[in-house]
Structure formats: C-alpha cells, structure tokens
Amino acid sequence: MQGDIAVFKFGGASVKDAASIRNVSSIISAYDKKLVIVISAMGKMTNALEKVTDSYLNSNTDLEQHLSQVTEQHEQVAEQLDLNIDHIRKLLKSHINQASSVLNQSHENNPLLVYDQIVSLGELFSTTIISEYLRSDNHKAYWLDVRKVMKTDNTYREGRVDVDGVASSINEVIRELLPLHDVIITQGFLGMTSDGYTTTLGREGSDYTAAILGYALNVKDITIWKDVPGILSADPKKFSEVSKIPKLSYNEAIEMTYYGAKVIHPKTIQPIQNRNIKLHVKSFQDISETGTVISDVGMSEYPPIITVQDKISLIQIFTKDFTFIAEEHLSLIFSTINELRIKLRIMRNAAVNFSIAIITPDEDTLDSFVDKLGDNFRFQITKNLEIITVRHHYKSIIDSLVNGRTILLQETMQDTIQMVVSSPD
C-alpha cells in the first residue's frame, strides 16, 4: 500500500561523524513505518574524493594509496561507533577493489568515468558504516547497492535516468526486501551503466535519488533531513534576515531550484509532482519542528525569495562581419554548449551579439568553446561574477542587493528578476 513506506534522505552534514550517525539512528527509532533511507557521503567527503581523483589522474600509483587518508577517516568513525574494525576494513577494501578493477581497464582518456568510479566511494563507504551501525543498534537494516536498480546512460558525472524505465525494478527489489527488514539503507547520487560502470547523477544528486525511489514505490511522503529548519527565503550564510517558508507549491519549488536554490536538487521536483508525493524538508537537529512541505498547495503570498549563484562568467559573442545573430548562428552556439556540457543560466539576443551567463567551466572547456566558434565570432569574457535572482521582488530589496555592484545583464519577468552582477569587494 502507498502509506506503508516512507523515504528519508540524509545529506552529508547529517552523517558527518559518529555523533551524527547515532542521531540518525534515533530519528529512525521515532518512526514506525518501513523506511527506505538514502545516504550521502559523510561531511565534505565528496570534495576530498575529488582531490583523490585529481591525484590519481596525475599519477601512476594505485588507487588504494591515494585513498589512504579517506579510508582512515571512515575507520576512525567506525571505531567511535564501536564497530568491528577488521570487518569494516574488509568491506571498504571490497569497494576500493571494485573501483580499481574498472580503472585498471585503461580509462585514462576518460577522466569523467574515472571521477565517477572514485567519487562514488564516498556514498558506498558511508552507507556501509551506517548500515552496520544500525544493525548493532537493533534496527533490522539491509544495505542495498542502489546501482543494481538505478540504471543510467553513460553520461559520466551527470548520468541520465529513465525514471519510468527503472521504476518497476526498484519497486520489485525493495518490496521483496521489506518483509524481512524495517530499514533499507542505500546510496544517493549513484547509478550504473549497462556496461557495469558506476555513474554519478550530478552534484547534490542524492535528493534526486530519493525522489526516484519515492516515485517508484508510490509513497505518500519523502523527507529530506537538513541542518536548517526548512526551506528559507535566502541562504542564512549570506543573509542575516531570512524566514522559513512553511509551504511551497511544486511550481514554486521547481522555480527556486532552477534559479539556484541549493536546498534541494533541481531534478527532484518532477518525479514527486508526477505522483503527488509530499516532500518534507526538516531539521535533523530538532525533529519536532514542522519544517517545509512541498506539495500541490503553496502559500497565498510568498516573501521575496533570494538565490545567489557564484562562479559565473558572462560571455558576449559578436559576429565578425557585423551580420545579425540569426538562427544558424544560434544553432551553432547551442550545439557547442551542449557538446561541451556547459551550464547555461541566462541568455540574451541582440542584433549583432548574443550574451550568455554560464557556470564557469574549467579553462580547457572554455578554450574549446572559443576555439570551436572562433571562425565565426569574436568574444568578450568576464569572469568572477554572480547571478542574483529574486522571486516576488520589490524595488527596495533589489536596491539593497545591488548596492555598490555593477549590473552587467538583467532579465525581468512578472515574478522574477535576474541580475548578473560584479562580485562583492
């Protein structure tokens, strides 16, 4: 039945150390439903594993040597949880061996594939330790390798999931496990190609994993546990005055995530909206707080909602012969953006130039973009910018946000204003 299962997602901050993992166990104990729990890598472990990836790609030494510091950190957490360290070490080693077997097949010409094999270890390690701890804490927990059911294409670092295509397999596998287990622990962010290679679903993709699992199981509720009391009107790390938004409509939520709000992954909304699943965003620090509910019912009036995206570049593209920017020009520009997987945020077409605000890629990608289009265009590139987006805006708040900054590009719609601005001094 729809109401017999709930899906939880715990992010990195909620499983960052032994005390946090004990708190996860206490949260689970407060619920009497069968739970499917999606877990991220511990703390800032994805960042650490990205550094491991860079080191591995620039060295001939084996993967285990590069991973020694990361594995030691996980072993320390396991020891603090009073787990059998020899058993944990063996389990972690098996994950490393699996990744090594793929990397040893000579994939040095595909750094994106290498990235996914290494960075995925964060989720595999964290879920291994947490499932072992939950069993020691009297939970009937089962460790599920999500890659067995989360099949993707081979777009490494941003694997694409056919949600309807994987739904029946997910539902069958998990419902077969639940009669014998109260808690299914699995990984967010990960998938697998038809060739058996691990993929990742894009940064912060664990929310999306939870949404796909909830969709497949046709649950009523998904809860994302975070270190904030719910969805806020702005990032509290950047703004002193923020307010909790108690209710968000699916439409409002997808707009927020599209414009860069980092509280949930942008792809999360579509699967839950399609099944009319309620998404709760709650604090793992105080489970009595109601948090924010995303559903088909929102607020009658929202406060101004502010998002800020940094590491933005503005590229102005000019025709060399002063001809109009026309359809054939745009086709070439967009096909190059797609080929290089550049993240486009704002665009504006004028007579003889086309402006795009993008998330700044690495230098090689930016150089490739210019090289591929250079026969037809000239460029002006400005880096180190921000995009400020305000929904439900009014003049005084816009004035305060841009005070002392230069606006290089602005788009205004009925409910939303976006500004590409110079970064603060």
Protein backbone atom coordinates (compact mmCIF):
# COMPACT_ATOMS: atom_id res chain seq x y z
CA MET A 1 0.00 0.00 0.00
CA GLN A 2 1.07 3.57 -0.62
CA GLY A 3 1.27 4.59 3.03
CA ASP A 4 3.29 1.65 4.33
CA ILE A 5 6.67 3.03 3.28
CA ALA A 6 8.39 6.40 3.65
CA VAL A 7 11.59 7.58 2.01
CA PHE A 8 14.18 9.54 4.01
CA LYS A 9 17.28 11.27 2.72
CA PHE A 10 20.18 12.21 4.97
CA GLY A 11 22.81 14.52 3.50
CA GLY A 12 26.47 14.80 4.31
CA ALA A 13 26.03 17.18 7.24
CA SER A 14 23.67 14.75 8.96
CA VAL A 15 26.14 11.82 8.82
CA LYS A 16 29.43 13.72 9.18
CA ASP A 17 30.67 11.92 12.32
CA ALA A 18 29.83 9.24 14.89
CA ALA A 19 27.54 11.51 16.94
CA SER A 20 25.58 12.43 13.80
CA ILE A 21 25.15 8.77 12.84
CA ARG A 22 23.85 7.98 16.31
CA ASN A 23 21.35 10.82 15.81
CA VAL A 24 20.21 9.25 12.53
CA SER A 25 19.52 6.02 14.41
CA SER A 26 17.44 7.89 16.99
CA ILE A 27 15.42 9.62 14.25
CA ILE A 28 14.70 6.24 12.64
CA SER A 29 13.55 4.89 16.00
CA ALA A 30 10.92 7.65 16.22
CA TYR A 31 9.06 6.29 13.16
CA ASP A 32 7.05 3.09 12.94
CA LYS A 33 6.91 2.88 9.13
CA LYS A 34 9.10 0.83 6.89
CA LEU A 35 11.86 3.19 5.76
CA VAL A 36 13.95 3.43 2.61
CA ILE A 37 16.86 5.69 3.52
CA VAL A 38 19.12 7.44 1.04
CA ILE A 39 22.51 8.44 2.42
CA SER A 40 25.11 10.87 1.06
CA ALA A 41 28.86 10.80 1.59
CA MET A 42 29.99 11.93 5.04
CA GLY A 43 30.60 15.62 5.57
CA LYS A 44 32.85 17.13 2.89
CA MET A 45 33.99 13.70 1.68
CA THR A 46 32.97 14.32 -1.94
CA ASN A 47 35.37 17.27 -2.03
CA ALA A 48 38.12 15.08 -0.56
CA LEU A 49 37.47 12.37 -3.14
CA GLU A 50 37.60 14.93 -5.96
CA LYS A 51 41.14 15.70 -4.80
CA VAL A 52 41.88 11.97 -4.78
CA THR A 53 40.61 11.81 -8.37
CA ASP A 54 42.91 14.64 -9.46
CA SER A 55 45.89 12.96 -7.78
CA TYR A 56 45.06 9.60 -9.33
CA LEU A 57 44.74 11.07 -12.83
CA ASN A 58 48.15 12.71 -12.49
CA SER A 59 50.00 9.74 -11.03
CA ASN A 60 50.74 6.11 -11.79
CA THR A 61 50.39 4.91 -8.19
CA ASP A 62 47.47 2.69 -7.24
CA LEU A 63 44.10 3.88 -6.03
CA GLU A 64 44.41 2.48 -2.53
CA GLN A 65 47.49 4.62 -1.87
CA HIS A 66 45.62 7.76 -2.85
CA LEU A 67 42.64 6.76 -0.72
CA SER A 68 44.56 6.00 2.47
CA GLN A 69 43.60 9.21 4.27
CA VAL A 70 39.94 8.93 3.28
CA THR A 71 39.67 5.30 4.41
CA GLU A 72 41.40 6.13 7.70
CA GLN A 73 38.79 8.82 8.39
CA HIS A 74 35.98 6.32 7.85
CA GLU A 75 37.71 3.73 10.01
CA GLN A 76 38.01 6.26 12.82
CA VAL A 77 34.26 6.88 12.69
CA ALA A 78 33.64 3.13 12.72
CA GLU A 79 35.83 2.75 15.79
CA GLN A 80 33.96 5.56 17.56
CA LEU A 81 30.74 3.65 16.82
CA ASP A 82 32.25 0.52 18.44
CA LEU A 83 32.04 -1.48 15.23
CA ASN A 84 34.28 -4.40 14.35
CA ILE A 85 37.06 -2.50 12.63
CA ASP A 86 38.52 -5.54 10.84
CA HIS A 87 35.12 -6.30 9.33
CA ILE A 88 34.63 -2.64 8.28
CA ARG A 89 38.12 -2.50 6.79
CA LYS A 90 37.34 -5.59 4.71
CA LEU A 91 34.09 -4.08 3.42
CA LEU A 92 35.73 -0.78 2.48
CA LYS A 93 38.53 -2.67 0.76
CA SER A 94 35.98 -4.54 -1.38
CA HIS A 95 34.57 -1.23 -2.64
CA ILE A 96 38.06 0.01 -3.49
CA ASN A 97 38.87 -3.23 -5.33
CA GLN A 98 35.71 -2.90 -7.41
CA ALA A 99 36.62 0.64 -8.44
CA SER A 100 40.22 -0.37 -9.14
CA SER A 101 39.13 -3.22 -11.41
CA VAL A 102 37.32 -0.70 -13.61
CA LEU A 103 40.14 1.83 -13.58
CA ASN A 104 42.71 -0.82 -14.42
CA GLN A 105 40.98 -1.33 -17.76
CA SER A 106 42.89 1.71 -19.09
CA HIS A 107 40.39 4.55 -18.97
CA GLU A 108 42.93 7.35 -18.67
CA ASN A 109 41.39 9.07 -21.70
CA ASN A 110 38.04 9.40 -19.95
CA PRO A 111 38.57 11.46 -16.78
CA LEU A 112 34.80 11.77 -16.26
CA LEU A 113 34.50 7.99 -15.98
CA VAL A 114 37.47 7.93 -13.58
CA TYR A 115 35.81 10.64 -11.50
CA ASP A 116 32.63 8.62 -11.05
CA GLN A 117 34.43 5.42 -10.04
CA ILE A 118 36.40 7.23 -7.32
CA VAL A 119 33.94 9.83 -6.02
CA SER A 120 31.19 7.20 -5.69
CA LEU A 121 33.24 5.58 -2.92
CA GLY A 122 32.02 8.30 -0.54
CA GLU A 123 28.44 7.01 -0.63
CA LEU A 124 29.49 3.38 -0.64
CA PHE A 125 31.69 3.90 2.43
CA SER A 126 29.14 5.95 4.40
CA THR A 127 26.24 3.56 3.79
CA THR A 128 28.39 0.57 4.65
CA ILE A 129 29.30 2.00 8.05
CA ILE A 130 25.82 3.33 8.79
CA SER A 131 24.07 0.06 7.91
CA GLU A 132 26.50 -1.84 10.14
CA TYR A 133 25.87 0.59 12.98
CA LEU A 134 22.08 0.44 12.62
CA ARG A 135 22.18 -3.34 12.86
CA SER A 136 24.28 -3.04 16.01
CA ASP A 137 21.68 -0.60 17.35
CA ASN A 138 18.85 -3.16 16.95
CA HIS A 139 17.45 -1.99 13.63
CA LYS A 140 16.59 -4.59 11.02
CA ALA A 141 18.65 -2.82 8.37
CA TYR A 142 19.63 -4.01 4.90
CA TRP A 143 22.40 -2.50 2.75
CA LEU A 144 21.23 -2.14 -0.85
CA ASP A 145 23.60 -1.28 -3.67
CA VAL A 146 21.49 1.30 -5.49
CA ARG A 147 23.47 0.74 -8.68
CA LYS A 148 21.66 -2.59 -9.16
CA VAL A 149 18.40 -0.75 -9.79
CA MET A 150 19.41 2.82 -10.75
CA LYS A 151 20.39 2.32 -14.36
CA THR A 152 21.67 5.33 -16.31
CA ASP A 153 23.16 6.18 -19.66
CA ASN A 154 26.92 6.69 -19.91
CA THR A 155 26.90 10.45 -19.34
CA TYR A 156 29.52 10.36 -16.62
CA ARG A 157 29.24 12.93 -13.81
CA GLU A 158 25.61 13.52 -14.79
CA GLY A 159 24.06 10.16 -15.52
CA ARG A 160 20.59 10.34 -17.02
CA VAL A 161 17.91 8.11 -15.57
CA ASP A 162 14.83 6.87 -17.39
CA VAL A 163 12.63 7.17 -14.30
CA ASP A 164 9.74 5.13 -15.65
CA GLY A 165 12.21 2.59 -17.04
CA VAL A 166 13.76 1.87 -13.62
CA ALA A 167 10.61 2.23 -11.50
CA SER A 168 9.32 -1.33 -11.79
CA SER A 169 12.72 -2.86 -10.94
CA ILE A 170 13.11 -0.59 -7.91
CA ASN A 171 9.62 -1.39 -6.68
CA GLU A 172 10.08 -5.14 -7.12
CA VAL A 173 13.50 -5.30 -5.41
CA ILE A 174 12.64 -3.13 -2.43
CA ARG A 175 9.20 -4.58 -1.72
CA GLU A 176 10.72 -8.05 -1.75
CA LEU A 177 13.21 -6.94 0.95
CA LEU A 178 10.84 -5.07 3.25
CA PRO A 179 9.00 -8.03 4.85
CA LEU A 180 12.30 -9.09 6.46
CA HIS A 181 13.79 -5.64 7.08
CA ASP A 182 12.45 -2.44 8.60
CA VAL A 183 15.11 -0.18 7.10
CA ILE A 184 16.70 -0.27 3.65
CA ILE A 185 19.93 1.76 3.52
CA THR A 186 21.09 2.80 0.08
CA GLN A 187 23.24 5.37 -1.65
CA GLY A 188 22.21 8.65 -3.16
CA PHE A 189 23.92 10.18 -6.18
CA LEU A 190 24.92 6.86 -7.81
CA GLY A 191 23.84 4.84 -10.81
CA MET A 192 25.31 2.30 -13.21
CA THR A 193 25.55 1.96 -16.97
CA SER A 194 24.52 -1.13 -18.90
CA ASP A 195 28.26 -1.92 -19.14
CA GLY A 196 28.57 -2.10 -15.36
CA TYR A 197 30.40 1.20 -14.81
CA THR A 198 29.39 3.45 -11.93
CA THR A 199 27.93 6.84 -12.77
CA THR A 200 27.02 9.82 -10.63
CA LEU A 201 23.86 11.89 -11.06
CA GLY A 202 25.39 15.34 -10.66
CA ARG A 203 26.47 17.25 -7.56
CA GLU A 204 23.91 17.03 -4.73
CA GLY A 205 22.12 14.28 -6.66
CA SER A 206 21.05 12.32 -3.57
CA ASP A 207 17.81 14.31 -3.40
CA TYR A 208 17.05 13.14 -6.93
CA THR A 209 17.74 9.54 -5.91
CA ALA A 210 15.22 9.86 -3.07
CA ALA A 211 12.64 11.31 -5.46
CA ILE A 212 13.10 8.45 -7.94
CA LEU A 213 12.78 5.84 -5.19
CA GLY A 214 9.67 7.55 -3.84
CA TYR A 215 8.18 7.68 -7.33
CA ALA A 216 8.93 4.00 -7.96
CA LEU A 217 7.42 2.94 -4.62
CA ASN A 218 4.48 5.37 -4.97
CA VAL A 219 4.92 6.65 -1.41
CA LYS A 220 2.95 9.45 0.18
CA ASP A 221 5.89 11.21 1.79
CA ILE A 222 9.61 11.83 1.30
CA THR A 223 11.62 13.63 3.98
CA ILE A 224 14.93 15.36 3.38
CA TRP A 225 16.79 15.91 6.66
CA LYS A 226 19.00 19.00 6.74
CA ASP A 227 20.82 21.33 9.13
CA VAL A 228 18.23 24.09 8.60
CA PRO A 229 14.65 24.24 9.96
CA GLY A 230 13.15 24.04 6.45
CA ILE A 231 13.38 25.93 3.19
CA LEU A 232 14.40 29.51 3.87
CA SER A 233 13.81 32.68 1.87
CA ALA A 234 17.58 33.07 1.37
CA ASP A 235 20.85 31.43 2.32
CA PRO A 236 21.41 32.18 6.04
CA LYS A 237 25.17 32.05 5.42
CA LYS A 238 24.85 35.07 3.12
CA PHE A 239 21.90 37.00 4.55
CA SER A 240 21.14 37.91 8.15
CA GLU A 241 17.38 38.26 7.74
CA VAL A 242 15.74 35.10 6.41
CA SER A 243 12.41 33.45 7.08
CA LYS A 244 11.22 29.86 6.89
CA ILE A 245 8.69 29.13 4.17
CA PRO A 246 6.20 26.65 5.67
CA LYS A 247 4.57 25.60 2.40
CA LEU A 248 5.78 25.57 -1.21
CA SER A 249 3.87 24.54 -4.29
CA TYR A 250 5.62 22.23 -6.73
CA ASN A 251 5.77 25.09 -9.21
CA GLU A 252 7.37 27.48 -6.72
CA ALA A 253 9.87 24.84 -5.63
CA ILE A 254 10.95 23.99 -9.16
CA GLU A 255 11.38 27.69 -9.94
CA MET A 256 13.56 28.15 -6.82
CA THR A 257 15.78 25.20 -7.65
CA TYR A 258 16.07 26.22 -11.31
CA TYR A 259 17.37 29.61 -10.24
CA GLY A 260 19.98 28.11 -7.95
CA ALA A 261 18.45 27.50 -4.52
CA LYS A 262 20.64 24.71 -3.13
CA VAL A 263 18.26 23.33 -0.51
CA ILE A 264 17.09 20.58 -2.90
CA HIS A 265 18.36 19.24 -6.22
CA PRO A 266 16.61 20.76 -9.29
CA LYS A 267 15.58 17.38 -10.72
CA THR A 268 13.83 16.35 -7.50
CA ILE A 269 10.50 18.05 -8.14
CA GLN A 270 9.34 16.37 -11.35
CA PRO A 271 9.07 12.79 -10.02
CA ILE A 272 7.32 13.84 -6.81
CA GLN A 273 4.90 16.14 -8.65
CA ASN A 274 4.02 13.37 -11.10
CA ARG A 275 2.96 11.13 -8.19
CA ASN A 276 1.64 13.95 -5.96
CA ILE A 277 4.14 13.00 -3.24
CA LYS A 278 4.64 15.40 -0.35
CA LEU A 279 8.25 16.40 0.16
CA HIS A 280 9.16 17.45 3.69
CA VAL A 281 12.34 19.40 4.39
CA LYS A 282 13.10 19.10 8.11
CA SER A 283 15.89 19.68 10.60
CA PHE A 284 17.77 16.64 11.86
CA GLN A 285 18.66 18.75 14.89
CA ASP A 286 15.02 19.04 16.05
CA ILE A 287 12.59 16.53 14.59
CA SER A 288 9.65 18.16 16.38
CA GLU A 289 9.90 21.16 14.04
CA THR A 290 7.39 21.02 11.17
CA GLY A 291 9.85 22.19 8.52
CA THR A 292 8.65 22.93 4.98
CA VAL A 293 6.15 20.89 2.98
CA ILE A 294 6.30 20.88 -0.81
CA SER A 295 3.06 19.74 -2.39
CA ASP A 296 0.35 20.91 -4.75
CA VAL A 297 -0.68 23.51 -2.14
CA GLY A 298 1.54 26.54 -1.60
CA MET A 299 1.18 29.87 0.19
CA SER A 300 -1.21 32.54 -0.98
CA GLU A 301 1.59 35.09 -0.72
CA TYR A 302 5.33 34.40 -0.61
CA PRO A 303 8.07 36.57 0.84
CA PRO A 304 10.87 37.67 -1.51
CA ILE A 305 12.96 34.57 -2.23
CA ILE A 306 16.62 35.26 -2.99
CA THR A 307 19.19 32.95 -4.55
CA VAL A 308 22.81 33.79 -5.32
CA GLN A 309 24.97 31.78 -7.72
CA ASP A 310 28.69 32.48 -7.74
CA LYS A 311 31.47 31.39 -10.12
CA ILE A 312 29.59 32.87 -13.07
CA SER A 313 31.10 34.00 -16.37
CA LEU A 314 29.44 36.34 -18.85
CA ILE A 315 30.34 35.61 -22.47
CA GLN A 316 29.38 38.16 -25.12
CA ILE A 317 29.52 36.64 -28.60
CA PHE A 318 29.77 39.01 -31.57
CA THR A 319 29.55 38.25 -35.29
CA LYS A 320 32.81 39.16 -37.01
CA ASP A 321 31.18 40.62 -40.13
CA PHE A 322 28.51 42.64 -38.28
CA THR A 323 25.69 40.44 -39.60
CA PHE A 324 22.63 39.84 -37.43
CA ILE A 325 22.70 37.00 -34.93
CA ALA A 326 20.28 34.66 -36.69
CA GLU A 327 19.01 31.10 -36.40
CA GLU A 328 22.07 29.48 -37.97
CA HIS A 329 24.34 31.30 -35.51
CA LEU A 330 22.21 30.27 -32.54
CA SER A 331 22.11 26.66 -33.72
CA LEU A 332 25.92 26.54 -33.79
CA ILE A 333 26.25 28.22 -30.39
CA PHE A 334 23.72 25.94 -28.69
CA SER A 335 25.11 22.75 -30.23
CA THR A 336 28.56 23.72 -28.92
CA ILE A 337 27.15 24.46 -25.45
CA ASN A 338 25.50 21.03 -25.45
CA GLU A 339 28.60 19.24 -26.74
CA LEU A 340 30.81 20.74 -24.02
CA ARG A 341 28.14 20.32 -21.30
CA ILE A 342 28.31 23.98 -20.37
CA LYS A 343 25.74 25.06 -17.78
CA LEU A 344 23.76 27.95 -19.23
CA ARG A 345 21.95 30.25 -16.79
CA ILE A 346 20.86 33.40 -18.66
CA MET A 347 20.91 34.39 -22.32
CA ARG A 348 20.02 37.47 -24.31
CA ASN A 349 19.95 38.01 -28.05
CA ALA A 350 20.69 41.43 -29.61
CA ALA A 351 21.22 42.45 -33.20
CA VAL A 352 24.89 41.54 -33.62
CA ASN A 353 25.73 39.88 -30.32
CA PHE A 354 24.48 37.09 -28.10
CA SER A 355 25.19 37.14 -24.36
CA ILE A 356 25.24 34.08 -22.13
CA ALA A 357 25.81 33.79 -18.39
CA ILE A 358 27.22 30.37 -17.54
CA ILE A 359 28.61 28.50 -14.58
CA THR A 360 32.33 28.97 -15.15
CA PRO A 361 33.77 25.72 -16.55
CA ASP A 362 37.41 24.66 -16.38
CA GLU A 363 39.85 26.54 -18.61
CA ASP A 364 40.11 23.72 -21.16
CA THR A 365 36.34 23.71 -21.70
CA LEU A 366 36.22 27.48 -22.03
CA ASP A 367 39.11 27.43 -24.51
CA SER A 368 37.37 24.69 -26.50
CA PHE A 369 34.18 26.76 -26.65
CA VAL A 370 36.07 29.75 -28.07
CA ASP A 371 38.09 27.58 -30.49
CA LYS A 372 35.02 25.80 -31.87
CA LEU A 373 33.21 29.08 -32.56
CA GLY A 374 36.20 31.30 -33.30
CA ASP A 375 35.92 31.22 -37.11
CA ASN A 376 32.52 32.90 -36.94
CA PHE A 377 32.63 35.07 -33.82
CA ARG A 378 34.72 37.19 -31.51
CA PHE A 379 34.27 37.14 -27.75
CA GLN A 380 34.33 39.24 -24.62
CA ILE A 381 34.53 37.15 -21.44
CA THR A 382 34.07 38.44 -17.90
CA LYS A 383 34.66 36.05 -15.00
CA ASN A 384 34.14 36.03 -11.22
CA LEU A 385 30.56 37.27 -11.37
CA GLU A 386 27.38 36.36 -9.50
CA ILE A 387 23.76 35.88 -10.51
CA ILE A 388 21.27 37.27 -8.02
CA THR A 389 17.72 36.04 -8.55
CA VAL A 390 14.75 37.39 -6.62
CA ARG A 391 11.25 35.97 -6.87
CA HIS A 392 8.33 38.07 -5.59
CA HIS A 393 10.59 41.09 -5.62
CA TYR A 394 10.05 44.74 -4.84
CA LYS A 395 12.20 47.76 -5.54
CA SER A 396 13.74 48.40 -2.13
CA ILE A 397 15.06 44.85 -1.80
CA ILE A 398 16.57 44.98 -5.30
CA ASP A 399 18.27 48.28 -4.47
CA SER A 400 19.79 46.83 -1.32
CA LEU A 401 21.07 43.73 -3.11
CA VAL A 402 22.87 45.58 -5.90
CA ASN A 403 24.18 48.46 -3.80
CA GLY A 404 27.79 49.07 -4.79
CA ARG A 405 27.75 46.50 -7.58
CA THR A 406 27.67 46.76 -11.36
CA ILE A 407 24.78 45.08 -13.19
CA LEU A 408 26.13 43.60 -16.43
CA LEU A 409 22.97 41.81 -17.55
CA GLN A 410 19.40 41.86 -16.27
CA GLU A 411 16.26 39.92 -17.09
CA THR A 412 12.92 40.92 -15.57
CA MET A 413 9.77 38.81 -15.65
CA GLN A 414 6.46 39.16 -13.87
CA ASP A 415 7.51 37.35 -10.68
CA THR A 416 11.26 37.11 -11.09
CA ILE A 417 14.26 39.35 -11.68
CA GLN A 418 17.73 38.02 -12.50
CA MET A 419 20.87 40.11 -12.45
CA VAL A 420 24.41 39.25 -13.44
CA VAL A 421 26.49 41.43 -11.15
CA SER A 422 30.08 42.03 -10.16
CA SER A 423 31.11 40.09 -7.07
CA PRO A 424 31.23 41.98 -3.78
CA ASP A 425 34.57 43.52 -2.85
